[in-house]
N, C-alpha and C. Protein backbone atom coordinates (compact mmCIF):
# COMPACT_ATOMS: atom_id res chain seq x y z
N MET A 1 0.85 -1.18 0.00
CA MET A 1 0.00 0.00 0.00
C MET A 1 0.89 1.24 0.00
N PRO A 2 0.60 2.21 -0.88
CA PRO A 2 1.42 3.43 -0.91
C PRO A 2 1.25 4.27 0.35
N ARG A 3 2.34 4.93 0.71
CA ARG A 3 2.32 5.80 1.88
C ARG A 3 1.52 7.06 1.56
N PRO A 4 0.62 7.49 2.46
CA PRO A 4 -0.15 8.72 2.21
C PRO A 4 0.77 9.95 2.18
N ALA A 5 0.39 10.92 1.41
CA ALA A 5 1.15 12.16 1.34
C ALA A 5 1.11 12.87 2.70
N GLU A 6 2.20 13.57 3.00
CA GLU A 6 2.23 14.34 4.24
C GLU A 6 1.22 15.48 4.18
N LEU A 7 0.65 15.76 5.30
CA LEU A 7 -0.31 16.85 5.41
C LEU A 7 0.21 17.82 6.47
N GLU A 8 0.54 19.03 6.04
CA GLU A 8 0.98 20.04 6.98
C GLU A 8 -0.23 20.79 7.51
N THR A 9 -0.33 20.88 8.82
CA THR A 9 -1.47 21.55 9.44
C THR A 9 -0.98 22.45 10.57
N CYS A 10 -1.87 23.24 11.07
CA CYS A 10 -1.58 24.00 12.28
C CYS A 10 -2.89 24.13 13.04
N ALA A 11 -2.78 24.47 14.29
CA ALA A 11 -3.96 24.66 15.13
C ALA A 11 -3.74 25.90 15.99
N ILE A 12 -4.80 26.61 16.24
CA ILE A 12 -4.76 27.73 17.17
C ILE A 12 -5.42 27.26 18.45
N ILE A 13 -4.64 27.22 19.50
CA ILE A 13 -5.15 26.77 20.80
C ILE A 13 -5.65 28.01 21.54
N THR A 14 -6.87 27.93 22.04
CA THR A 14 -7.43 29.07 22.75
C THR A 14 -7.56 28.78 24.23
N THR A 15 -7.70 29.85 24.98
CA THR A 15 -7.89 29.78 26.42
C THR A 15 -8.89 30.87 26.80
N GLU A 16 -9.20 30.97 28.07
CA GLU A 16 -10.10 32.04 28.50
C GLU A 16 -9.45 33.39 28.25
N GLU A 17 -10.27 34.41 28.13
CA GLU A 17 -9.77 35.75 27.83
C GLU A 17 -9.08 36.37 29.05
N ASN A 18 -8.18 37.32 28.78
CA ASN A 18 -7.60 38.11 29.87
C ASN A 18 -8.39 39.41 29.98
N GLU A 19 -7.97 40.30 30.87
CA GLU A 19 -8.72 41.53 31.12
C GLU A 19 -8.78 42.45 29.89
N LEU A 20 -7.77 42.39 29.03
CA LEU A 20 -7.75 43.23 27.83
C LEU A 20 -8.68 42.67 26.76
N CYS A 21 -8.65 41.37 26.56
CA CYS A 21 -9.44 40.74 25.49
C CYS A 21 -10.91 40.61 25.83
N VAL A 22 -11.27 40.63 27.10
CA VAL A 22 -12.66 40.44 27.50
C VAL A 22 -13.57 41.49 26.86
N ARG A 23 -13.00 42.64 26.49
CA ARG A 23 -13.81 43.69 25.86
C ARG A 23 -14.30 43.29 24.47
N VAL A 24 -13.60 42.33 23.83
CA VAL A 24 -13.96 41.98 22.46
C VAL A 24 -14.31 40.52 22.25
N HIS A 25 -13.94 39.63 23.19
CA HIS A 25 -14.23 38.21 22.97
C HIS A 25 -14.13 37.44 24.28
N ASP A 26 -14.75 36.26 24.33
CA ASP A 26 -14.73 35.46 25.55
C ASP A 26 -13.61 34.42 25.57
N ARG A 27 -12.72 34.46 24.59
CA ARG A 27 -11.53 33.61 24.60
C ARG A 27 -10.44 34.30 23.78
N MET A 28 -9.24 33.75 23.88
CA MET A 28 -8.10 34.33 23.17
C MET A 28 -7.13 33.21 22.82
N PRO A 29 -6.27 33.42 21.82
CA PRO A 29 -5.25 32.40 21.55
C PRO A 29 -4.26 32.31 22.69
N VAL A 30 -3.74 31.13 22.92
CA VAL A 30 -2.65 30.98 23.88
C VAL A 30 -1.42 31.65 23.26
N ILE A 31 -0.77 32.50 24.02
CA ILE A 31 0.46 33.17 23.59
C ILE A 31 1.55 32.73 24.54
N LEU A 32 2.59 32.12 23.99
CA LEU A 32 3.69 31.67 24.82
C LEU A 32 4.76 32.75 24.91
N ALA A 33 5.30 32.95 26.09
CA ALA A 33 6.45 33.83 26.25
C ALA A 33 7.66 33.12 25.64
N PRO A 34 8.58 33.86 25.02
CA PRO A 34 9.76 33.21 24.44
C PRO A 34 10.48 32.28 25.42
N SER A 35 10.46 32.62 26.69
CA SER A 35 11.13 31.76 27.68
C SER A 35 10.43 30.40 27.83
N ASP A 36 9.21 30.25 27.32
CA ASP A 36 8.48 28.99 27.40
C ASP A 36 8.55 28.16 26.12
N TYR A 37 9.15 28.68 25.05
CA TYR A 37 9.17 27.96 23.77
C TYR A 37 9.79 26.58 23.91
N GLU A 38 10.96 26.49 24.53
CA GLU A 38 11.65 25.21 24.63
C GLU A 38 10.84 24.20 25.42
N ARG A 39 10.24 24.63 26.50
CA ARG A 39 9.42 23.73 27.31
C ARG A 39 8.22 23.22 26.52
N TRP A 40 7.62 24.09 25.70
CA TRP A 40 6.46 23.69 24.89
C TRP A 40 6.86 22.63 23.86
N LEU A 41 8.02 22.80 23.25
CA LEU A 41 8.45 21.91 22.19
C LEU A 41 9.09 20.62 22.70
N ASP A 42 9.67 20.64 23.89
CA ASP A 42 10.31 19.45 24.45
C ASP A 42 9.52 19.01 25.68
N THR A 43 8.64 18.06 25.49
CA THR A 43 7.75 17.63 26.58
C THR A 43 8.38 16.54 27.45
N SER A 44 9.67 16.26 27.29
CA SER A 44 10.30 15.21 28.09
C SER A 44 10.32 15.57 29.57
N ASP A 45 10.21 16.85 29.90
CA ASP A 45 10.16 17.27 31.31
C ASP A 45 8.76 17.20 31.90
N GLY A 46 7.80 16.77 31.13
CA GLY A 46 6.44 16.67 31.64
C GLY A 46 5.46 17.42 30.76
N ASP A 47 4.24 17.38 31.17
CA ASP A 47 3.13 17.98 30.43
C ASP A 47 3.17 19.50 30.54
N PRO A 48 3.24 20.22 29.41
CA PRO A 48 3.28 21.68 29.46
C PRO A 48 1.89 22.32 29.50
N ALA A 49 0.87 21.57 29.91
CA ALA A 49 -0.51 22.08 29.89
C ALA A 49 -0.68 23.35 30.72
N ASP A 50 0.15 23.55 31.74
CA ASP A 50 0.01 24.77 32.54
C ASP A 50 0.37 26.03 31.76
N LEU A 51 0.97 25.87 30.57
CA LEU A 51 1.26 27.03 29.72
C LEU A 51 0.03 27.51 28.96
N LEU A 52 -1.04 26.73 29.00
CA LEU A 52 -2.28 27.08 28.28
C LEU A 52 -3.13 28.00 29.14
N ARG A 53 -2.60 29.18 29.36
CA ARG A 53 -3.25 30.17 30.22
C ARG A 53 -3.29 31.50 29.49
N PRO A 54 -4.14 32.42 29.96
CA PRO A 54 -4.17 33.75 29.33
C PRO A 54 -2.83 34.47 29.52
N TYR A 55 -2.39 35.15 28.47
CA TYR A 55 -1.20 35.98 28.54
C TYR A 55 -1.52 37.21 29.38
N SER A 56 -0.55 37.73 30.08
CA SER A 56 -0.76 38.88 30.95
C SER A 56 -1.28 40.09 30.16
N SER A 57 -2.43 40.62 30.56
CA SER A 57 -2.95 41.80 29.87
C SER A 57 -2.07 43.03 30.12
N ASP A 58 -1.32 43.03 31.20
CA ASP A 58 -0.39 44.14 31.47
C ASP A 58 0.73 44.18 30.44
N ALA A 59 0.99 43.06 29.79
CA ALA A 59 2.07 42.98 28.81
C ALA A 59 1.54 43.10 27.38
N MET A 60 0.29 43.52 27.23
CA MET A 60 -0.33 43.65 25.91
C MET A 60 -0.91 45.04 25.73
N ARG A 61 -1.22 45.36 24.49
CA ARG A 61 -1.95 46.59 24.23
C ARG A 61 -2.91 46.33 23.07
N ALA A 62 -3.96 47.12 23.01
CA ALA A 62 -4.94 47.02 21.94
C ALA A 62 -5.11 48.41 21.34
N TYR A 63 -5.34 48.45 20.04
CA TYR A 63 -5.55 49.73 19.38
C TYR A 63 -6.39 49.51 18.13
N PRO A 64 -7.16 50.52 17.72
CA PRO A 64 -8.02 50.37 16.53
C PRO A 64 -7.18 50.31 15.25
N VAL A 65 -7.64 49.49 14.32
CA VAL A 65 -7.02 49.38 13.00
C VAL A 65 -8.09 49.56 11.95
N SER A 66 -7.68 49.63 10.71
CA SER A 66 -8.59 49.82 9.59
C SER A 66 -9.62 48.70 9.51
N PRO A 67 -10.85 49.02 9.12
CA PRO A 67 -11.85 47.97 8.89
C PRO A 67 -11.41 46.98 7.80
N ARG A 68 -10.42 47.37 6.98
CA ARG A 68 -9.89 46.44 5.98
C ARG A 68 -9.36 45.17 6.62
N ALA A 69 -8.96 45.25 7.89
CA ALA A 69 -8.39 44.10 8.58
C ALA A 69 -9.42 43.00 8.81
N SER A 70 -10.69 43.30 8.68
CA SER A 70 -11.74 42.31 8.91
C SER A 70 -11.98 41.40 7.72
N SER A 71 -11.34 41.68 6.59
CA SER A 71 -11.56 40.88 5.39
C SER A 71 -10.32 40.04 5.07
N PRO A 72 -10.49 38.73 4.88
CA PRO A 72 -9.34 37.89 4.53
C PRO A 72 -8.78 38.19 3.14
N LYS A 73 -9.50 38.98 2.34
CA LYS A 73 -9.00 39.36 1.02
C LYS A 73 -7.80 40.30 1.15
N ASN A 74 -7.71 41.00 2.25
CA ASN A 74 -6.62 41.96 2.47
C ASN A 74 -5.50 41.28 3.25
N ASP A 75 -4.27 41.41 2.77
CA ASP A 75 -3.15 40.75 3.41
C ASP A 75 -1.88 41.58 3.21
N ASP A 76 -1.75 42.65 3.97
CA ASP A 76 -0.57 43.49 3.86
C ASP A 76 -0.23 44.08 5.22
N ALA A 77 0.99 44.54 5.37
CA ALA A 77 1.47 45.06 6.65
C ALA A 77 0.70 46.28 7.14
N ASP A 78 0.08 47.03 6.23
CA ASP A 78 -0.68 48.21 6.63
C ASP A 78 -1.85 47.85 7.55
N LEU A 79 -2.28 46.61 7.53
CA LEU A 79 -3.40 46.20 8.38
C LEU A 79 -3.06 46.29 9.86
N MET A 80 -1.79 46.26 10.20
CA MET A 80 -1.38 46.34 11.60
C MET A 80 -1.17 47.77 12.08
N GLU A 81 -1.22 48.73 11.16
CA GLU A 81 -0.99 50.12 11.53
C GLU A 81 -2.17 50.66 12.33
N ALA A 82 -1.86 51.35 13.41
CA ALA A 82 -2.90 51.94 14.25
C ALA A 82 -3.55 53.11 13.52
N LEU A 83 -4.85 53.23 13.66
CA LEU A 83 -5.55 54.39 13.13
C LEU A 83 -5.22 55.59 13.99
N GLN A 84 -5.00 56.72 13.37
CA GLN A 84 -4.73 57.94 14.11
C GLN A 84 -6.06 58.56 14.52
N SER A 85 -6.24 58.78 15.79
CA SER A 85 -7.45 59.46 16.24
C SER A 85 -7.16 60.94 16.38
N ALA A 86 -8.18 61.75 16.29
CA ALA A 86 -8.00 63.21 16.35
C ALA A 86 -7.30 63.60 17.64
N GLY A 87 -6.22 64.36 17.50
CA GLY A 87 -5.52 64.89 18.67
C GLY A 87 -4.60 63.92 19.37
N SER A 88 -4.42 62.72 18.84
CA SER A 88 -3.52 61.79 19.54
C SER A 88 -2.52 61.20 18.56
N GLN A 89 -1.38 60.90 19.06
CA GLN A 89 -0.34 60.24 18.29
C GLN A 89 -0.28 58.79 18.74
N VAL A 90 -0.47 57.87 17.83
CA VAL A 90 -0.38 56.46 18.16
C VAL A 90 0.82 55.90 17.43
N ARG A 91 1.73 55.31 18.17
CA ARG A 91 2.93 54.75 17.56
C ARG A 91 2.85 53.25 17.63
N HIS A 92 3.11 52.60 16.52
CA HIS A 92 3.06 51.14 16.47
C HIS A 92 4.31 50.60 15.83
N GLU A 93 4.92 49.65 16.46
CA GLU A 93 6.04 48.95 15.86
C GLU A 93 5.63 47.50 15.75
N ASN A 94 5.78 46.92 14.55
CA ASN A 94 5.41 45.53 14.41
C ASN A 94 6.61 44.61 14.55
N ARG A 95 7.75 45.15 14.90
CA ARG A 95 8.93 44.34 15.17
C ARG A 95 9.63 44.92 16.41
N ARG A 96 10.16 43.99 17.21
CA ARG A 96 10.91 44.41 18.39
C ARG A 96 12.15 43.55 18.45
N HIS A 97 13.26 44.14 18.64
CA HIS A 97 14.53 43.41 18.71
C HIS A 97 14.75 42.56 17.46
N GLY A 98 14.27 43.04 16.31
CA GLY A 98 14.50 42.33 15.06
C GLY A 98 13.65 41.09 14.87
N ARG A 99 12.73 40.81 15.79
CA ARG A 99 11.87 39.63 15.69
C ARG A 99 10.42 40.07 15.57
N PRO A 100 9.59 39.29 14.87
CA PRO A 100 8.17 39.63 14.83
C PRO A 100 7.57 39.59 16.23
N VAL A 101 6.63 40.46 16.49
CA VAL A 101 5.92 40.48 17.77
C VAL A 101 4.61 39.73 17.57
N PRO A 102 4.34 38.68 18.35
CA PRO A 102 3.09 37.96 18.15
C PRO A 102 1.89 38.87 18.38
N SER A 103 0.88 38.69 17.60
CA SER A 103 -0.31 39.53 17.73
C SER A 103 -1.53 38.77 17.28
N MET A 104 -2.68 39.29 17.58
CA MET A 104 -3.92 38.70 17.08
C MET A 104 -4.88 39.81 16.70
N LEU A 105 -5.69 39.53 15.73
CA LEU A 105 -6.69 40.48 15.27
C LEU A 105 -8.03 40.06 15.83
N VAL A 106 -8.69 40.95 16.54
CA VAL A 106 -10.01 40.67 17.09
C VAL A 106 -10.90 41.82 16.68
N GLY A 107 -11.90 41.53 15.86
CA GLY A 107 -12.75 42.59 15.35
C GLY A 107 -11.90 43.56 14.58
N ALA A 108 -11.95 44.81 14.92
CA ALA A 108 -11.12 45.81 14.25
C ALA A 108 -10.05 46.33 15.19
N ASN A 109 -9.53 45.46 16.06
CA ASN A 109 -8.46 45.84 16.98
C ASN A 109 -7.34 44.83 16.89
N TRP A 110 -6.10 45.31 16.86
CA TRP A 110 -4.96 44.42 17.03
C TRP A 110 -4.69 44.35 18.50
N ILE A 111 -4.48 43.16 18.99
CA ILE A 111 -4.10 42.98 20.39
C ILE A 111 -2.81 42.19 20.35
N ARG A 112 -1.79 42.74 20.98
CA ARG A 112 -0.49 42.07 20.91
C ARG A 112 0.27 42.25 22.20
N PRO A 113 1.16 41.32 22.49
CA PRO A 113 2.03 41.53 23.65
C PRO A 113 2.89 42.76 23.42
N ASP A 114 2.98 43.60 24.41
CA ASP A 114 3.78 44.82 24.33
C ASP A 114 5.15 44.59 24.98
N ARG A 115 5.18 43.66 25.94
CA ARG A 115 6.43 43.32 26.62
C ARG A 115 6.22 41.97 27.30
N GLN A 116 7.27 41.40 27.80
CA GLN A 116 7.17 40.12 28.49
C GLN A 116 6.51 40.32 29.85
N PRO A 117 5.62 39.41 30.25
CA PRO A 117 5.03 39.53 31.58
C PRO A 117 6.11 39.39 32.65
N GLY A 118 5.92 40.10 33.75
CA GLY A 118 6.95 40.07 34.78
C GLY A 118 6.54 39.49 36.03
């Protein structure tokens, strides 16, 4: 019998919402801190299920983005740019220390870790 072709897949694991995400949804993706990557990938030390928890809302920020972000037809870096509101300056960097910053789109808001939880 021939061997079946490989199938590459991915899954988004969700958990309960944190204080920041509760405004827009009742759950959020699990976000791992870089210090937890190795533990997640190497389960020889035991079950990493305790990592499936809400990311610290103190280490995240949310800001409005273009309604274009709600359509899967649009796929460009401008979707992460913060909308400028009257009288305020909003600064957004989508890279920190030369690495992508994990983020998620919820409704018309980007919610992303702003720093490592402490």
